[in-house]
Each structure stands twice: as C-alpha cells, then as structure tokens.
Protein backbone atom coordinates (compact mmCIF):
# COMPACT_ATOMS: atom_id res chain seq x y z
CA UNK A 1 -15.90 -33.79 -19.93
CA UNK A 2 -17.10 -36.90 -19.49
CA UNK A 3 -16.99 -39.67 -22.17
CA UNK A 4 -20.59 -40.83 -22.71
CA UNK A 5 -21.49 -41.87 -25.64
CA UNK A 6 -23.54 -39.44 -27.12
CA UNK A 7 -27.26 -40.08 -27.99
CA UNK A 8 -29.38 -38.14 -30.76
CA UNK A 9 -31.42 -35.07 -29.60
CA UNK A 10 -34.03 -33.83 -31.24
CA UNK A 11 -36.23 -30.49 -29.58
CA UNK A 12 -40.34 -30.46 -30.74
CA UNK A 13 -42.02 -30.30 -27.40
CA UNK A 14 -40.82 -28.20 -24.62
CA UNK A 15 -41.80 -28.10 -20.78
CA UNK A 16 -41.10 -25.37 -18.98
CA UNK A 17 -41.51 -26.31 -14.92
CA UNK A 18 -42.22 -22.53 -13.17
CA UNK A 19 -43.79 -19.18 -14.47
CA UNK A 20 -42.82 -16.86 -13.59
CA UNK A 21 -41.11 -13.98 -15.50
CA UNK A 22 -38.35 -16.00 -16.49
CA UNK A 23 -40.61 -19.18 -17.68
CA UNK A 24 -43.01 -16.75 -19.44
CA UNK A 25 -39.98 -15.07 -21.87
CA UNK A 26 -38.64 -18.61 -21.98
CA UNK A 27 -42.36 -19.69 -23.35
CA UNK A 28 -42.65 -16.55 -25.70
CA UNK A 29 -39.49 -17.39 -27.55
CA UNK A 30 -39.94 -20.97 -27.63
CA UNK A 31 -43.46 -20.71 -29.49
CA UNK A 32 -42.49 -18.12 -31.82
CA UNK A 33 -40.33 -20.42 -33.25
CA UNK A 34 -42.97 -23.04 -33.63
CA UNK A 35 -42.17 -25.38 -30.50
CA UNK A 36 -44.79 -26.91 -28.74
CA UNK A 37 -44.90 -25.55 -24.95
CA UNK A 38 -45.93 -27.42 -21.89
CA UNK A 39 -46.12 -24.84 -18.95
CA UNK A 40 -46.26 -26.41 -15.57
CA UNK A 41 -45.97 -24.18 -12.00
CA UNK A 42 -46.98 -25.80 -8.20
CA UNK A 43 -49.32 -22.92 -8.45
CA UNK A 44 -51.97 -24.02 -10.25
CA UNK A 45 -53.52 -20.41 -10.91
CA UNK A 46 -50.04 -19.87 -12.41
CA UNK A 47 -50.31 -21.62 -15.85
CA UNK A 48 -53.42 -19.57 -16.86
CA UNK A 49 -52.07 -16.18 -15.85
CA UNK A 50 -48.99 -17.24 -18.29
CA UNK A 51 -50.83 -18.01 -20.64
CA UNK A 52 -52.84 -14.96 -20.58
CA UNK A 53 -49.77 -13.07 -20.31
CA UNK A 54 -48.51 -14.76 -23.53
CA UNK A 55 -51.77 -13.76 -25.15
CA UNK A 56 -51.34 -10.41 -24.19
CA UNK A 57 -48.01 -9.89 -25.07
CA UNK A 58 -48.64 -11.04 -28.40
CA UNK A 59 -51.70 -9.38 -29.40
CA UNK A 60 -49.57 -6.22 -28.07
CA UNK A 61 -46.87 -7.04 -30.48
CA UNK A 62 -49.45 -7.61 -33.33
CA UNK A 63 -50.76 -3.63 -32.22
CA UNK A 64 -47.69 -2.34 -32.77
CA UNK A 65 -46.69 -4.16 -35.71
CA UNK A 66 -43.79 -5.78 -34.37
CA UNK A 67 -45.71 -9.67 -34.95
CA UNK A 68 -48.19 -10.78 -37.67
CA UNK A 69 -51.81 -12.02 -36.46
CA UNK A 70 -51.69 -15.49 -38.18
CA UNK A 71 -47.94 -16.26 -36.62
CA UNK A 72 -49.51 -14.83 -33.02
CA UNK A 73 -52.07 -17.01 -32.62
CA UNK A 74 -50.37 -20.00 -34.07
CA UNK A 75 -47.74 -19.46 -31.16
CA UNK A 76 -50.46 -18.64 -28.84
CA UNK A 77 -52.16 -22.22 -29.86
CA UNK A 78 -48.72 -24.08 -29.32
CA UNK A 79 -48.68 -23.31 -25.45
CA UNK A 80 -50.56 -25.71 -23.04
CA UNK A 81 -51.04 -26.04 -19.17
CA UNK A 82 -50.02 -29.31 -17.72
CA UNK A 83 -51.81 -30.42 -14.38
CA UNK A 84 -48.93 -32.50 -12.67
CA UNK A 85 -45.16 -33.53 -14.14
CA UNK A 86 -46.54 -36.49 -15.55
CA UNK A 87 -47.96 -34.55 -18.23
CA UNK A 88 -44.25 -33.55 -19.66
CA UNK A 89 -43.71 -37.00 -20.28
CA UNK A 90 -43.21 -36.75 -24.38
CA UNK A 91 -40.96 -33.88 -23.79
CA UNK A 92 -37.62 -33.72 -25.59
CA UNK A 93 -36.79 -30.34 -23.46
CA UNK A 94 -37.65 -29.84 -19.96
CA UNK A 95 -36.23 -25.89 -18.86
CA UNK A 96 -36.73 -25.17 -15.08
CA UNK A 97 -36.99 -21.85 -14.11
CA UNK A 98 -37.72 -22.30 -10.69
CA UNK A 99 -36.59 -20.35 -6.69
CA UNK A 100 -32.44 -20.78 -6.67
CA UNK A 101 -32.22 -23.26 -4.08
CA UNK A 102 -29.64 -26.61 -5.20
CA UNK A 103 -31.88 -29.51 -3.15
CA UNK A 104 -35.48 -27.86 -4.88
CA UNK A 105 -33.63 -27.93 -8.28
CA UNK A 106 -31.83 -31.45 -7.37
CA UNK A 107 -35.30 -32.63 -6.53
CA UNK A 108 -36.76 -31.33 -9.74
CA UNK A 109 -35.04 -32.94 -11.50
CA UNK A 110 -34.76 -36.35 -10.06
CA UNK A 111 -38.47 -36.92 -10.27
CA UNK A 112 -38.68 -35.84 -13.87
CA UNK A 113 -35.96 -38.80 -14.08
CA UNK A 114 -38.28 -40.93 -13.65
CA UNK A 115 -41.10 -39.19 -15.60
CA UNK A 116 -39.31 -38.51 -19.11
CA UNK A 117 -37.83 -40.75 -21.84
CA UNK A 118 -33.43 -40.66 -21.61
CA UNK A 119 -33.58 -38.45 -24.64
CA UNK A 120 -34.92 -35.45 -22.78
CA UNK A 121 -32.72 -33.27 -21.92
CA UNK A 122 -33.20 -31.59 -18.58
CA UNK A 123 -31.87 -28.07 -18.00
CA UNK A 124 -31.69 -25.37 -15.75
CA UNK A 125 -31.95 -21.52 -15.70
CA UNK A 126 -29.65 -21.26 -12.44
CA UNK A 127 -27.90 -18.34 -12.30
CA UNK A 128 -25.11 -19.25 -9.77
CA UNK A 129 -25.82 -22.86 -8.57
CA UNK A 130 -23.26 -25.33 -9.72
CA UNK A 131 -25.01 -27.97 -13.03
CA UNK A 132 -22.66 -31.12 -11.74
CA UNK A 133 -24.12 -30.57 -8.22
CA UNK A 134 -27.32 -30.44 -9.77
CA UNK A 135 -26.99 -33.39 -11.87
CA UNK A 136 -25.81 -35.06 -8.87
CA UNK A 137 -29.19 -36.26 -7.67
CA UNK A 138 -29.65 -37.96 -11.09
CA UNK A 139 -29.36 -41.45 -12.07
CA UNK A 140 -28.10 -39.77 -15.20
CA UNK A 141 -26.39 -36.45 -15.19
CA UNK A 142 -25.66 -36.43 -18.91
CA UNK A 143 -28.46 -34.99 -19.69
CA UNK A 144 -28.66 -32.28 -16.97
CA UNK A 145 -27.74 -28.54 -18.49
CA UNK A 146 -27.48 -25.18 -17.42
CA UNK A 147 -29.21 -23.18 -19.85
CA UNK A 148 -28.92 -19.52 -18.61
CA UNK A 149 -31.24 -16.77 -20.01
CA UNK A 150 -31.27 -13.10 -19.03
CA UNK A 151 -34.82 -11.39 -18.13
CA UNK A 152 -36.02 -9.86 -19.73
CA UNK A 153 -36.21 -13.06 -22.01
CA UNK A 154 -37.36 -11.82 -25.26
CA UNK A 155 -35.31 -8.56 -25.05
CA UNK A 156 -31.77 -10.01 -23.57
CA UNK A 157 -30.59 -11.87 -27.21
CA UNK A 158 -27.78 -14.51 -25.08
CA UNK A 159 -28.30 -17.48 -23.56
CA UNK A 160 -25.28 -19.39 -21.64
CA UNK A 161 -25.22 -23.16 -22.45
CA UNK A 162 -23.39 -24.49 -19.75
CA UNK A 163 -21.58 -28.25 -19.61
CA UNK A 164 -21.59 -29.64 -16.37
CA UNK A 165 -18.55 -32.57 -15.72
CA UNK A 166 -20.53 -35.21 -16.72
CA UNK A 167 -23.13 -33.94 -19.61
CA UNK A 168 -23.75 -35.22 -22.68
CA UNK A 169 -21.84 -32.65 -25.55
CA UNK A 170 -24.18 -33.69 -27.97
CA UNK A 171 -26.76 -32.41 -25.59
CA UNK A 172 -25.58 -28.97 -25.37
CA UNK A 173 -25.25 -28.93 -28.97
CA UNK A 174 -28.84 -29.52 -29.48
CA UNK A 175 -28.77 -26.60 -27.49
CA UNK A 176 -26.80 -24.60 -29.07
CA UNK A 177 -28.79 -24.81 -32.48
CA UNK A 178 -32.42 -24.44 -30.29
CA UNK A 179 -30.90 -21.25 -29.18
CA UNK A 180 -30.52 -20.16 -32.66
CA UNK A 181 -34.06 -21.28 -33.84
CA UNK A 182 -35.43 -19.18 -31.16
CA UNK A 183 -33.71 -15.99 -32.01
CA UNK A 184 -30.98 -16.07 -29.34
CA UNK A 185 -27.19 -16.07 -29.27
CA UNK A 186 -25.88 -19.06 -27.43
CA UNK A 187 -22.34 -19.05 -25.68
CA UNK A 188 -20.71 -22.53 -24.49
CA UNK A 189 -19.38 -22.46 -20.92
CA UNK A 190 -17.82 -24.97 -17.89
CA UNK A 191 -19.61 -25.17 -14.96
CA UNK A 192 -17.89 -22.35 -12.89
CA UNK A 193 -19.27 -20.41 -10.54
CA UNK A 194 -21.41 -17.50 -12.31
CA UNK A 195 -20.25 -19.34 -15.72
CA UNK A 196 -19.86 -16.31 -17.87
CA UNK A 197 -21.89 -12.81 -17.52
CA UNK A 198 -22.12 -12.95 -13.80
CA UNK A 199 -18.36 -13.93 -13.17
CA UNK A 200 -17.44 -11.12 -15.31
CA UNK A 201 -19.91 -8.41 -14.29
CA UNK A 202 -18.21 -8.63 -11.18
CA UNK A 203 -16.17 -5.87 -11.81
CA UNK A 204 -18.25 -3.13 -12.39
CA UNK A 205 -19.89 -3.84 -9.49
CA UNK A 206 -17.91 -4.70 -6.84
CA UNK A 207 -15.06 -2.38 -7.62
CA UNK A 208 -17.35 0.44 -8.08
CA UNK A 209 -18.88 -0.53 -4.59
CA UNK A 210 -15.65 -0.79 -3.03
CA UNK A 211 -14.46 2.86 -4.03
CA UNK A 212 -17.63 3.87 -2.70
CA UNK A 213 -16.97 2.40 0.36
CA UNK A 214 -13.34 3.68 0.43
CA UNK A 215 -15.34 7.38 0.41
CA UNK A 216 -13.46 8.24 -2.86
CA UNK A 217 -16.32 9.61 -4.43
CA UNK A 218 -20.22 9.35 -4.67
CA UNK A 219 -22.69 7.25 -6.32
CA UNK A 220 -23.48 9.76 -8.69
CA UNK A 221 -20.43 10.61 -9.18
CA UNK A 222 -18.96 6.99 -9.77
CA UNK A 223 -21.84 6.91 -11.95
CA UNK A 224 -20.99 9.67 -14.22
CA UNK A 225 -17.80 9.27 -14.42
CA UNK A 226 -18.25 5.13 -15.68
CA UNK A 227 -21.21 6.72 -17.95
CA UNK A 228 -19.53 9.45 -19.40
CA UNK A 229 -15.57 9.33 -19.29
CA UNK A 230 -15.54 5.69 -19.57
CA UNK A 231 -18.39 4.88 -22.00
CA UNK A 232 -20.15 2.23 -20.23
CA UNK A 233 -24.03 2.52 -20.89
CA UNK A 234 -24.64 2.71 -17.21
CA UNK A 235 -22.66 2.53 -14.04
CA UNK A 236 -22.48 0.02 -11.48
CA UNK A 237 -24.95 1.74 -8.96
CA UNK A 238 -27.59 2.31 -12.00
CA UNK A 239 -26.96 -1.29 -13.06
CA UNK A 240 -27.60 -2.50 -9.29
CA UNK A 241 -30.69 -0.80 -9.14
CA UNK A 242 -32.03 -1.89 -11.88
CA UNK A 243 -31.67 -5.61 -11.62
CA UNK A 244 -32.53 -5.11 -7.82
CA UNK A 245 -30.50 -6.05 -4.46
CA UNK A 246 -32.67 -8.68 -3.77
CA UNK A 247 -31.54 -10.67 -7.01
CA UNK A 248 -27.85 -9.32 -7.09
CA UNK A 249 -26.03 -8.94 -3.24
CA UNK A 250 -27.03 -13.00 -3.18
CA UNK A 251 -25.39 -13.61 -6.26
CA UNK A 252 -22.71 -11.49 -5.16
CA UNK A 253 -22.21 -13.51 -1.92
CA UNK A 254 -23.34 -17.12 -3.77
CA UNK A 255 -20.00 -16.67 -5.75
CA UNK A 256 -17.74 -14.87 -3.48
CA UNK A 257 -18.11 -17.62 -1.11
CA UNK A 258 -18.61 -20.81 -4.06
CA UNK A 259 -14.78 -19.73 -5.39
CA UNK A 260 -13.80 -20.15 -1.59
CA UNK A 261 -13.53 -16.19 -0.62
CA UNK A 262 -11.32 -15.19 -3.80
CA UNK A 263 -10.28 -11.16 -2.78
CA UNK A 264 -11.24 -10.19 -6.49
CA UNK A 265 -15.29 -11.20 -5.64
CA UNK A 266 -15.55 -9.60 -2.26
CA UNK A 267 -18.99 -8.46 -1.55
CA UNK A 268 -19.63 -5.19 0.42
CA UNK A 269 -21.99 -4.53 3.25
CA UNK A 270 -23.50 -1.39 1.36
CA UNK A 271 -25.45 -3.71 -0.37
CA UNK A 272 -26.16 -5.88 2.46
CA UNK A 273 -27.53 -2.86 4.76
CA UNK A 274 -29.37 -1.15 1.93
CA UNK A 275 -30.88 -4.40 1.48
CA UNK A 276 -31.97 -4.96 5.10
CA UNK A 277 -33.22 -1.30 5.07
CA UNK A 278 -35.51 -2.66 1.81
CA UNK A 279 -33.61 0.10 -0.48
CA UNK A 280 -33.08 -2.50 -3.28
CA UNK A 281 -33.25 -0.81 -5.97
CA UNK A 282 -35.83 0.65 -9.08
CA UNK A 283 -38.75 -1.41 -8.09
CA UNK A 284 -38.91 -0.33 -4.56
CA UNK A 285 -38.68 3.23 -5.47
CA UNK A 286 -35.68 3.24 -3.64
CA UNK A 287 -31.99 2.25 -4.38
CA UNK A 288 -28.85 3.98 -5.16
CA UNK A 289 -31.45 6.80 -6.30
CA UNK A 290 -34.41 7.52 -5.40
CA UNK A 291 -37.53 7.26 -8.23
CA UNK A 292 -41.20 8.85 -8.96
CA UNK A 293 -43.25 7.53 -11.32
CA UNK A 294 -39.97 5.19 -12.61
CA UNK A 295 -38.19 8.07 -13.20
CA UNK A 296 -34.52 8.08 -11.55
CA UNK A 297 -34.33 11.70 -9.53
CA UNK A 298 -30.72 13.06 -9.27
CA UNK A 299 -29.78 16.45 -8.26
CA UNK A 300 -27.73 18.93 -10.97
CA UNK A 301 -24.35 19.30 -10.98
CA UNK A 302 -23.03 22.53 -9.36
CA UNK A 303 -21.31 24.63 -11.61
CA UNK A 304 -17.60 24.60 -12.15
CA UNK A 305 -15.69 27.20 -10.48
CA UNK A 306 -14.25 30.10 -13.09
CA UNK A 307 -11.12 30.84 -12.28
CA UNK A 308 -8.10 29.85 -14.34
CA UNK A 309 -4.40 29.15 -12.15
CA UNK A 310 -1.74 31.33 -13.78
CA UNK A 311 0.29 28.69 -14.53
CA UNK A 312 0.11 25.08 -14.85
CA UNK A 313 3.29 23.18 -14.51
CA UNK A 314 2.49 19.09 -15.97
CA UNK A 315 4.37 16.09 -14.98
CA UNK A 316 6.13 14.56 -17.88
CA UNK A 317 6.49 11.06 -16.94
CA UNK A 318 3.93 9.77 -19.14
CA UNK A 319 4.84 11.93 -22.27
CA UNK A 320 1.42 11.07 -24.11
CA UNK A 321 -0.19 12.29 -20.86
CA UNK A 322 1.43 15.28 -20.54
CA UNK A 323 1.27 16.22 -23.93
CA UNK A 324 -2.89 15.93 -24.17
CA UNK A 325 -2.57 17.99 -20.70
CA UNK A 326 -0.24 20.50 -22.32
CA UNK A 327 -3.37 20.80 -25.15
CA UNK A 328 -6.01 21.61 -22.74
CA UNK A 329 -3.76 24.09 -21.06
CA UNK A 330 -2.84 25.91 -23.81
CA UNK A 331 -6.32 25.55 -24.87
CA UNK A 332 -7.29 27.57 -22.07
CA UNK A 333 -5.07 30.36 -22.43
CA UNK A 334 -3.14 29.65 -19.33
CA UNK A 335 0.67 29.64 -19.29
CA UNK A 336 2.93 26.51 -18.26
CA UNK A 337 5.47 26.83 -16.47
CA UNK A 338 8.73 24.56 -18.18
CA UNK A 339 10.42 24.09 -15.60
CA UNK A 340 12.11 20.98 -14.11
CA UNK A 341 10.91 22.08 -10.96
CA UNK A 342 7.49 23.46 -10.29
CA UNK A 343 7.48 27.19 -9.56
CA UNK A 344 6.03 28.11 -6.18
CA UNK A 345 3.33 29.74 -7.18
CA UNK A 346 2.23 26.77 -10.11
CA UNK A 347 -0.74 24.51 -10.13
CA UNK A 348 0.90 21.00 -10.39
CA UNK A 349 -0.52 18.16 -12.40
CA UNK A 350 0.64 14.36 -12.61
CA UNK A 351 -1.05 11.61 -14.38
CA UNK A 352 -0.51 8.76 -13.09
CA UNK A 353 -1.61 5.17 -14.03
CA UNK A 354 -3.02 2.79 -11.20
CA UNK A 355 -0.79 4.95 -8.79
CA UNK A 356 -2.68 7.45 -6.50
CA UNK A 357 -2.18 11.71 -6.38
CA UNK A 358 -0.22 11.24 -2.73
CA UNK A 359 2.42 8.27 -4.13
CA UNK A 360 2.68 10.92 -7.60
CA UNK A 361 3.61 13.55 -5.44
CA UNK A 362 5.89 11.65 -3.18
CA UNK A 363 7.90 9.83 -5.64
CA UNK A 364 8.69 13.16 -8.22
CA UNK A 365 9.13 15.07 -4.72
CA UNK A 366 6.45 17.53 -5.70
CA UNK A 367 4.62 20.09 -3.17
CA UNK A 368 1.19 17.52 -2.13
CA UNK A 369 -0.83 21.09 -1.36
CA UNK A 370 -0.95 22.05 -5.22
CA UNK A 371 -0.75 18.70 -6.76
CA UNK A 372 -3.93 17.43 -8.82
CA UNK A 373 -4.40 14.49 -10.86
CA UNK A 374 -5.73 13.99 -13.76
CA UNK A 375 -7.31 10.61 -15.51
CA UNK A 376 -5.75 10.05 -19.09
CA UNK A 377 -6.69 6.86 -19.86
CA UNK A 378 -9.32 8.09 -21.71
CA UNK A 379 -9.12 10.98 -24.57
CA UNK A 380 -8.71 14.20 -23.32
CA UNK A 381 -9.72 15.67 -26.65
CA UNK A 382 -13.32 15.17 -27.23
CA UNK A 383 -14.18 13.81 -24.02
CA UNK A 384 -17.90 14.25 -22.54
CA UNK A 385 -15.95 14.33 -19.00
CA UNK A 386 -12.57 14.20 -17.32
CA UNK A 387 -11.66 13.38 -14.08
CA UNK A 388 -9.91 14.65 -11.47
CA UNK A 389 -8.20 13.49 -8.23
CA UNK A 390 -6.58 15.51 -4.93
CA UNK A 391 -4.07 14.71 -2.24
CA UNK A 392 -5.11 14.52 1.01
CA UNK A 393 -3.62 17.79 1.65
CA UNK A 394 -4.45 19.32 -1.69
CA UNK A 395 -5.79 23.21 -1.48
CA UNK A 396 -9.57 24.32 -1.97
CA UNK A 397 -7.71 26.74 -3.88
CA UNK A 398 -5.42 24.42 -5.58
CA UNK A 399 -8.58 21.69 -6.82
CA UNK A 400 -11.28 24.79 -7.68
CA UNK A 401 -8.12 26.29 -10.26
CA UNK A 402 -7.96 23.09 -11.79
CA UNK A 403 -11.28 22.23 -12.45
CA UNK A 404 -11.66 25.62 -14.02
CA UNK A 405 -8.73 24.71 -15.69
CA UNK A 406 -9.78 21.40 -17.18
CA UNK A 407 -13.93 22.53 -17.68
CA UNK A 408 -13.47 25.55 -19.45
CA UNK A 409 -14.08 24.03 -23.23
CA UNK A 410 -17.38 23.54 -21.17
CA UNK A 411 -16.83 19.03 -20.23
CA UNK A 412 -17.90 18.05 -17.04
CA UNK A 413 -15.13 17.47 -14.46
CA UNK A 414 -15.38 15.03 -11.63
CA UNK A 415 -13.17 15.83 -8.73
CA UNK A 416 -12.71 12.66 -6.47
CA UNK A 417 -10.56 12.11 -3.24
CA UNK A 418 -7.33 10.45 -3.78
CA UNK A 419 -7.82 6.52 -4.99
CA UNK A 420 -5.31 3.82 -6.36
CA UNK A 421 -5.82 4.08 -9.82
CA UNK A 422 -8.66 6.91 -9.59
CA UNK A 423 -12.06 5.28 -11.24
CA UNK A 424 -12.96 4.40 -14.40
CA UNK A 425 -8.51 2.98 -14.62
CA UNK A 426 -9.57 0.78 -11.40
CA UNK A 427 -13.00 -0.65 -12.83
CA UNK A 428 -12.47 -1.07 -16.46
CA UNK A 429 -8.71 -2.74 -15.22
CA UNK A 430 -10.95 -5.50 -13.33
CA UNK A 431 -13.24 -5.85 -15.43
CA UNK A 432 -10.35 -6.89 -18.08
CA UNK A 433 -8.64 -8.46 -15.41
CA UNK A 434 -11.18 -10.86 -14.34
CA UNK A 435 -12.88 -11.93 -18.21
CA UNK A 436 -8.99 -12.35 -19.11
CA UNK A 437 -9.47 -15.37 -15.76
CA UNK A 438 -12.05 -16.25 -17.28
CA UNK A 439 -10.16 -17.44 -20.54
CA UNK A 440 -7.19 -18.41 -18.81
CA UNK A 441 -9.22 -20.63 -16.93
CA UNK A 442 -11.20 -22.05 -19.64
CA UNK A 443 -14.13 -21.34 -19.14
CA UNK A 444 -15.49 -20.66 -22.42
CA UNK A 445 -13.65 -18.91 -25.77
CA UNK A 446 -12.02 -15.56 -25.42
CA UNK A 447 -14.98 -14.80 -28.07
CA UNK A 448 -17.55 -16.28 -26.56
CA UNK A 449 -16.42 -14.10 -23.42
CA UNK A 450 -16.55 -10.91 -25.10
CA UNK A 451 -19.73 -11.85 -26.70
CA UNK A 452 -21.98 -12.57 -24.06
CA UNK A 453 -20.88 -9.77 -21.94
CA UNK A 454 -21.60 -7.70 -25.11
CA UNK A 455 -25.11 -8.91 -25.48
CA UNK A 456 -25.68 -9.98 -21.27
CA UNK A 457 -23.91 -6.64 -19.98
CA UNK A 458 -24.73 -4.16 -22.39
CA UNK A 459 -20.82 -3.17 -22.29
CA UNK A 460 -19.61 -1.03 -25.10
CA UNK A 461 -17.33 -3.65 -25.57
CA UNK A 462 -16.63 -7.23 -24.16
CA UNK A 463 -13.63 -7.46 -21.77
CA UNK A 464 -10.45 -8.89 -24.14
CA UNK A 465 -11.68 -6.19 -26.64
CA UNK A 466 -11.52 -3.59 -24.16
CA UNK A 467 -8.18 -4.03 -23.04
CA UNK A 468 -6.78 -4.75 -26.45
CA UNK A 469 -8.39 -1.05 -27.30
CA UNK A 470 -6.89 0.95 -24.20
CA UNK A 471 -3.86 -1.49 -24.22
CA UNK A 472 -3.11 -4.75 -22.30
CA UNK A 473 0.29 -2.77 -21.55
CA UNK A 474 -1.73 0.17 -19.81
CA UNK A 475 -4.02 -2.23 -17.83
CA UNK A 476 -1.41 -4.31 -16.84
CA UNK A 477 0.75 -1.22 -15.64
CA UNK A 478 -2.48 -0.02 -13.34
CA UNK A 479 -3.37 -3.45 -11.79
CA UNK A 480 0.40 -3.89 -10.99
CA UNK A 481 0.56 -0.16 -9.23
CA UNK A 482 -2.69 -0.48 -7.71
CA UNK A 483 -1.58 -3.71 -6.47
CA UNK A 484 2.16 -2.64 -5.23
CA UNK A 485 0.46 1.07 -3.36
CA UNK A 486 -2.82 -1.66 -1.52
CA UNK A 487 -0.93 -4.58 -1.53
CA UNK A 488 -4.95 -6.10 -1.85
CA UNK A 489 -4.79 -9.75 -4.25
CA UNK A 490 -7.92 -8.54 -5.67
CA UNK A 491 -5.96 -6.79 -7.67
CA UNK A 492 -3.14 -9.58 -8.98
CA UNK A 493 -3.17 -9.20 -13.04
CA UNK A 494 -4.07 -12.19 -14.78
CA UNK A 495 -1.64 -14.46 -16.37
CA UNK A 496 -3.43 -14.38 -19.34
CA UNK A 497 -3.33 -10.56 -19.17
CA UNK A 498 0.83 -10.26 -17.77
CA UNK A 499 1.95 -13.07 -20.99
CA UNK A 500 -0.09 -11.30 -23.57
CA UNK A 501 0.70 -7.63 -22.40
CA UNK A 502 4.54 -8.97 -22.59
CA UNK A 503 4.45 -10.65 -25.76
CA UNK A 504 2.51 -7.88 -27.58
CA UNK A 505 -0.61 -10.72 -27.87
CA UNK A 506 -4.55 -9.51 -28.47
CA UNK A 507 -6.32 -10.57 -25.12
CA UNK A 508 -8.78 -12.39 -27.65
CA UNK A 509 -5.97 -14.43 -28.94
CA UNK A 510 -6.21 -18.33 -27.43
CA UNK A 511 -2.58 -20.21 -27.22
CA UNK A 512 -1.17 -20.62 -30.38
CA UNK A 513 -1.07 -24.10 -29.85
CA UNK A 514 -4.67 -24.71 -28.90
CA UNK A 515 -5.56 -23.42 -32.55
CA UNK A 516 -7.99 -21.30 -30.63
CA UNK A 517 -10.30 -24.29 -28.87
CA UNK A 518 -10.74 -22.58 -25.52
CA UNK A 519 -12.18 -26.33 -24.74
CA UNK A 520 -9.24 -28.07 -25.27
CA UNK A 521 -8.43 -28.10 -21.31
CA UNK A 522 -11.76 -28.20 -20.23
C-alpha cells in the first residue's frame, strides 16, 4: 500500500461513464440512495435511452409495490445527462463502465484527471484488469480504485472495492461506506487478477470443463451432480450459459495469462471452440444447452436398471464410508459378502477419496471387471443424487447391478467413467483450494472471501466454510490423491489448506499473530 497522505472524501455527486447494463444498474441504485447522477456516454443517444430505461424500471417497481412513487420521482430527478466529460467536473466520484480494454480505460482516467477536483475518486468497474495498471496513466494514482459490481447490479448485492498499489486507503473506505448507503455489501480486495469473485469462480468452471474434456461425464450429468449431490444452485455449464461465453471465455483467458499460466486456471478448448461457433449460451438460444423461449431443454433421464446384485462386497479402507454403503445395501435387502476378499460372484464396491476406481481396485488387488466406486464425500442417506464410477474394465452387468442397487430407494444415480476424484470431489476440492490460495495470498480476509463468493456466485457456502463443513483433512486427502495419480500441478494443495488441516484449524481462521487482519501483509 502507498503511504500517501489521506484526503477527506465526501460522495454526493456521482458521474457514470458508459450507460450499458452495468452503468444503468449502478445509476439505479445510486439514484435510489439519493445521490446526484451524471450520465455520460460517447454515444449521445445512449444517455437518453438509459434515462428512459430507469424511468420504466422505476415505474415497474412502483406498479409491483416495491417502490414508493414519490421516491421513484425523486430518484429519477437525481439523474441528468452530460454532453461531455467536462460536465463531470463537480463530481465526487466517477465510475467507468466501458469496454474491457486497458488502454481505453487508462486514457479515460488520464483525461478525467484534468477535469475533476483532487478530491474526486476515479473508479473502474473492470472485472479482470489490474487497477494499478489503469492508475499508472494518472499523475495521481492514489485516487484510482476498482469498484466492481455484478450484473444485474440491483439484484447482485455485493461489490468489490479493490485497492491498487498506490491507492489512498481513505478513498477505499469512502467507497465501502457508499456501497452500504446504496444497499450493497462491500468486500475489500487487493489488486490481483480476478480480485475475489472471478478468481474464486475458476474452480467450478475450469474443473467442470476439464472433467467434460476428459470424457468423464456429459455436460448435463456434471451439472446434475453439482446441483443435486453437491448442493449448488447451478452446475458449471448452466452457469456458463447464463454468463455467456463471449463474456466468460475472455475472462478465463485473461486470468490465466495474468497469473503467468498458473495451471489451476488453465482454460479449456471446449469454450474456445463453442465461442467460435456461436454457441455462447442462453442469450443466443444455444450454448451447452438449447433454449426455447428462454427455457432450458433437457432430455429426461433414462429409468434405472431394476435387477439387483446377488451379493455385495464393500471395501473397508474408509470405515465411515463402508458403514454408509452397508446401510444402503441392507435397505435394498441385498446380501453382504463379509469375506476378507470378495467372492467370485460378488459386486465389488470401493469408496475412494481422490483416487480413481482403477487405482482403488489395483491397490486392494480386486477384480476390476466387478468394481464400482461410489462417491461418499456427501452423505449417502437422504441424498438428492448419488454418483457411481466404473473402471475401464467394469462389465455392463456389474455397472447395471450397482446402478439398480444404489437407486433402489428412488434416489437418482449418475454413472460416470473413471476419474480421479469423481465429479463432486474434484470440483469442490478445487473450489476450496483456490479459496484457500486467495486467503494465503492475503488478497482478502477469509470472511470477505466467503461473503463475496456466496453473494456473487450464489454458492451454498463460501469456499472456506465449505471446506470446514466437509473437513479440511478430507479436502486435503482428495487433492493429494489426485495429484499422486495425475502429477498435475493444478491439484497441488494450498499451504493455507495444508497447514490448517494439519493443525485442526478452521479454514476461516487467519494466522493468530495477525489478529484476523488480512491486510497486514498486503
């Protein structure tokens, strides 16, 4: 952080450059908070269109009883257009929401610097560009900040306040206060690629793409597993269709290259190819799914086989998982093979963490043609979905018998091909690991990391709380076992995870000597 002498900042008038979806959204929440808004766009007709949009939006909110009419009129009266940048001269804050090009943003801020007062904060709504790099074009970089909202702004109640290397902390504090005034939850982040939310979001998307790229499971099956077994609101491919590949693919490439080809963030050729083919998502009518009148089209699942196995042998390598599987076997009324080794006609069930079914079978000297692995990271009893995994040698008869067994109580079952860490284990462990690495780099506090992710991505828990809920030691085991099989550095555990798992500490807990202050080493 810079040691600049802090100024006093009071924000009453806000200039917004760029009147697209983001600019309009920011104007809406700011006007409703009673701030004076000046809208500017290089396209002169866009300013009028933005004001008309706000008028229509406020009218709809009034009609639905969500906004008082007098407040609607007062908010709209706060919004005026600007014919040129010079009309922003008395603004206390200018937020740019323009094209994601560094040279364009840097040029805009350099021009604004010669117009506004020294007490005016210049904020960029960039999602992935360096705030320090944007500020480098200014004579006074201390006033430049990242102020990253999410689309749609009125509904996505989180905003990232990003300090550049030379930013004045007092200006960031003023933006934090302003966010709360506008009804949003602010989180503070250090200037690093992807900040918090786009950084943390790499886990779900890149790992889901990697699984599909390896031919482990279809897009639909990966989404079903992540939604119904792991408890996420959307699977990775539903999420990519929602954000659209023309937005998400460039961000994936940008973050990957900004981190100097960090393996954890490696993009997939799947998204590049689909982007080139125009299959970008919901707004185009087709992405990973087809959409008719905006509704996702998915074929119904085939019914589960019904012929149960004669008897089942269950590995005892993981005692808790062994007992959970036996409970399901008993519920289905299938006999248990209690031998030290499986009988010649028994279905063989293994419960690996991180390992693939092949490695688990070979490690225990089992007949791979009869081996089925079941994912036990999430509870089997009361599950919304279960995942089974075959070895390349598993017979169709063994696969179908296992499917019938674990779907006997009416719970849907997805059968995937052999994969280190199944689907849910891989994706969840990657999400937790990247969240831990954000904490390790002191990009944000553990609390802000989880708050940003739950509000910005809609995850059931933040990555650190999720790791605590599933057990940091289990997540560490999954990653180490995947790494031992594949040797891929994308699965190397974060030191934050490894050390806290070894010490029995919560992943939410900062170093004791830091007294919970994530900024001490920023």
